[in-house]
Amino acid sequence: IEHGRARGAVEQPEWRLARGRRPGPLRIFCPANWNLQKGSGLVAELIERTSPLVEWHLAGRASGSVHERAISHDVYLQSALGDLVKEIDPDVFGIFSIAPETYSQTLSESWGLGLPAVGTDLGAVADRIREHGGGVLVPADDPERAAEVIIGLARKILRGEQLGLPTPGPK
């Protein structure tokens, strides 16, 4: 079920256009109330497989318990999400649920902030990314393959290239 927000195609936020991408590795921001279904185990394995090529930022309940290499931003207020994203300057949002989502508020937030997502190939996240672009899908049941996709994105960043992910938003 949609969240009742009208939204057109989204462009990069003005703050990012003004300053450009902050140097450094690929930054993935993963907001969630962390548990097994939200992908805590998968994310921990991805952190192991992709560090130090990827800087992982986790936010939400139990974010500090997912992996010691992740930067935990703990619980955040919905009204402060834009400021948190501006501070982190992520390249993508990560949505790594291992159970199908029904619509994914996080995907809506990602696109609303002008950022593509890396999401598991399940449920509404997969359906919406396939229909509208705005991200890339990775298998929820194959951490090795998922890590390969993420490492490919990280190598593009290291070479100074654009990620080449579709612009988020309806076609």
Protein backbone atom coordinates (compact mmCIF):
# COMPACT_ATOMS: atom_id res chain seq x y z
CA ILE A 1 0.00 0.00 0.00
CA GLU A 2 1.44 3.33 -1.01
CA HIS A 3 2.18 5.94 1.62
CA GLY A 4 -0.14 8.56 0.17
CA ARG A 5 2.52 10.96 -1.04
CA ALA A 6 2.50 12.44 -4.50
CA ARG A 7 5.98 12.35 -5.92
CA GLY A 8 7.47 12.96 -9.30
CA ALA A 9 10.97 12.27 -10.55
CA VAL A 10 13.59 13.30 -8.02
CA GLU A 11 16.90 15.01 -8.65
CA GLN A 12 20.00 15.29 -6.50
CA PRO A 13 19.44 17.54 -3.50
CA GLU A 14 20.68 21.12 -3.88
CA TRP A 15 23.22 20.72 -1.08
CA ARG A 16 24.93 17.90 -2.93
CA LEU A 17 24.86 19.68 -6.25
CA ALA A 18 26.43 22.72 -4.60
CA ARG A 19 29.30 20.90 -2.89
CA GLY A 20 29.66 17.73 -4.94
CA ARG A 21 30.33 14.31 -3.50
CA ARG A 22 32.54 14.29 -0.43
CA PRO A 23 35.68 12.21 -1.18
CA GLY A 24 36.03 8.75 0.27
CA PRO A 25 34.79 5.21 -0.23
CA LEU A 26 31.31 4.23 -1.32
CA ARG A 27 28.96 5.22 1.51
CA ILE A 28 25.84 3.14 2.10
CA PHE A 29 23.22 4.43 4.54
CA CYS A 30 20.89 1.78 5.96
CA PRO A 31 18.09 3.04 8.18
CA ALA A 32 16.01 0.29 9.81
CA ASN A 33 14.80 -1.01 13.12
CA TRP A 34 17.34 -3.79 13.02
CA ASN A 35 16.40 -7.44 13.44
CA LEU A 36 16.81 -10.63 11.46
CA GLN A 37 13.96 -9.83 9.03
CA LYS A 38 15.36 -6.35 8.31
CA GLY A 39 18.60 -8.02 7.26
CA SER A 40 20.93 -7.59 10.23
CA GLY A 41 22.68 -10.88 9.48
CA LEU A 42 22.96 -10.16 5.75
CA VAL A 43 24.31 -6.66 6.40
CA ALA A 44 26.87 -8.01 8.88
CA GLU A 45 28.06 -10.47 6.23
CA LEU A 46 28.14 -7.74 3.56
CA ILE A 47 30.21 -5.52 5.85
CA GLU A 48 32.70 -8.38 6.28
CA ARG A 49 32.90 -8.94 2.53
CA THR A 50 33.07 -5.29 1.39
CA SER A 51 35.13 -3.44 4.01
CA PRO A 52 37.18 -1.28 3.66
CA LEU A 53 35.90 -0.51 0.13
CA VAL A 54 32.55 0.49 1.60
CA GLU A 55 31.73 2.74 4.53
CA TRP A 56 28.56 1.44 6.16
CA HIS A 57 26.28 3.82 8.09
CA LEU A 58 23.43 2.24 10.04
CA ALA A 59 20.64 4.04 11.83
CA GLY A 60 17.63 2.95 13.81
CA ARG A 61 16.92 0.75 16.79
CA ALA A 62 19.73 -1.77 17.46
CA SER A 63 21.95 -0.30 14.71
CA GLY A 64 24.95 -0.48 17.03
CA SER A 65 24.61 -4.24 17.38
CA VAL A 66 24.82 -5.20 13.68
CA HIS A 67 28.61 -4.99 13.19
CA GLU A 68 31.49 -3.22 14.90
CA ARG A 69 32.83 -1.83 11.58
CA ALA A 70 29.56 -0.05 10.83
CA ILE A 71 29.10 3.54 11.90
CA SER A 72 25.98 3.56 14.05
CA HIS A 73 23.80 6.65 14.14
CA ASP A 74 21.38 5.02 16.57
CA VAL A 75 17.69 5.97 16.62
CA TYR A 76 16.80 9.07 14.62
CA LEU A 77 13.75 11.27 14.31
CA GLN A 78 11.92 11.16 10.99
CA SER A 79 12.06 14.95 10.90
CA ALA A 80 15.89 14.82 11.14
CA LEU A 81 16.46 12.27 8.37
CA GLY A 82 17.39 14.88 5.76
CA ASP A 83 19.99 16.44 8.05
CA LEU A 84 21.43 13.02 8.89
CA VAL A 85 21.71 12.15 5.20
CA LYS A 86 23.36 15.51 4.48
CA GLU A 87 25.90 14.81 7.25
CA ILE A 88 26.69 11.28 6.02
CA ASP A 89 26.59 12.15 2.29
CA PRO A 90 25.75 8.58 1.22
CA ASP A 91 25.93 7.41 -2.35
CA VAL A 92 23.03 4.99 -1.89
CA PHE A 93 20.49 3.84 0.65
CA GLY A 94 20.71 0.17 1.57
CA ILE A 95 17.51 -1.84 2.04
CA PHE A 96 18.56 -5.39 2.87
CA SER A 97 15.42 -7.00 4.25
CA ILE A 98 15.37 -10.77 3.93
CA ALA A 99 11.56 -10.83 4.12
CA PRO A 100 9.36 -9.11 1.52
CA GLU A 101 8.41 -5.52 2.39
CA THR A 102 4.87 -4.35 1.67
CA TYR A 103 5.80 -0.95 0.19
CA SER A 104 8.99 0.27 1.92
CA GLN A 105 8.92 3.65 3.54
CA THR A 106 12.73 3.59 3.39
CA LEU A 107 12.70 3.34 -0.40
CA SER A 108 10.29 6.29 -0.56
CA GLU A 109 12.60 8.26 1.73
CA SER A 110 15.64 7.38 -0.35
CA TRP A 111 14.04 8.53 -3.55
CA GLY A 112 12.59 11.60 -1.84
CA LEU A 113 16.13 12.61 -0.94
CA GLY A 114 17.33 12.04 -4.52
CA LEU A 115 19.33 8.90 -3.78
CA PRO A 116 19.16 5.49 -5.42
CA ALA A 117 18.93 2.31 -3.37
CA VAL A 118 20.65 -1.03 -3.24
CA GLY A 119 17.89 -3.41 -2.23
CA THR A 120 17.24 -7.09 -1.90
CA ASP A 121 15.36 -8.70 -4.75
CA LEU A 122 12.19 -9.33 -2.72
CA GLY A 123 8.70 -7.93 -2.41
CA ALA A 124 7.77 -4.31 -2.99
CA VAL A 125 11.37 -3.05 -2.91
CA ALA A 126 12.19 -5.22 -5.93
CA ASP A 127 8.89 -4.47 -7.65
CA ARG A 128 9.26 -0.71 -7.26
CA ILE A 129 12.92 -0.61 -8.35
CA ARG A 130 12.11 -2.71 -11.41
CA GLU A 131 9.16 -0.49 -12.30
CA HIS A 132 10.67 2.93 -11.57
CA GLY A 133 14.45 2.50 -11.62
CA GLY A 134 16.21 4.27 -8.80
CA GLY A 135 18.48 1.48 -7.70
CA VAL A 136 19.97 -1.92 -8.13
CA LEU A 137 18.83 -5.26 -6.77
CA VAL A 138 20.92 -7.89 -5.01
CA PRO A 139 19.94 -11.41 -4.01
CA ALA A 140 18.87 -11.78 -0.38
CA ASP A 141 19.97 -15.41 -0.33
CA ASP A 142 23.43 -15.01 -1.92
CA PRO A 143 25.68 -12.71 0.15
CA GLU A 144 28.66 -13.44 -2.09
CA ARG A 145 26.83 -12.21 -5.21
CA ALA A 146 25.34 -9.25 -3.32
CA ALA A 147 28.84 -8.27 -2.16
CA GLU A 148 30.14 -8.51 -5.74
CA VAL A 149 27.52 -6.00 -6.90
CA ILE A 150 28.36 -3.63 -4.05
CA ILE A 151 32.11 -3.97 -4.64
CA GLY A 152 31.48 -3.11 -8.30
CA LEU A 153 29.80 0.13 -7.21
CA ALA A 154 32.62 0.84 -4.75
CA ARG A 155 35.25 0.43 -7.48
CA LYS A 156 33.41 2.94 -9.67
CA ILE A 157 33.57 5.47 -6.82
CA LEU A 158 37.29 4.78 -6.30
CA ARG A 159 37.90 5.45 -10.01
CA GLY A 160 35.99 8.73 -9.72
CA GLU A 161 33.13 7.50 -11.90
CA GLN A 162 29.41 8.01 -11.46
CA LEU A 163 27.54 4.96 -10.18
CA GLY A 164 25.36 4.89 -13.26
CA LEU A 165 22.26 3.88 -11.35
CA PRO A 166 18.94 5.02 -12.80
CA THR A 167 17.46 8.24 -11.46
CA PRO A 168 14.82 7.42 -8.85
CA GLY A 169 11.22 8.15 -9.70
CA PRO A 170 8.29 7.05 -11.81
CA LYS A 171 8.89 6.65 -15.54
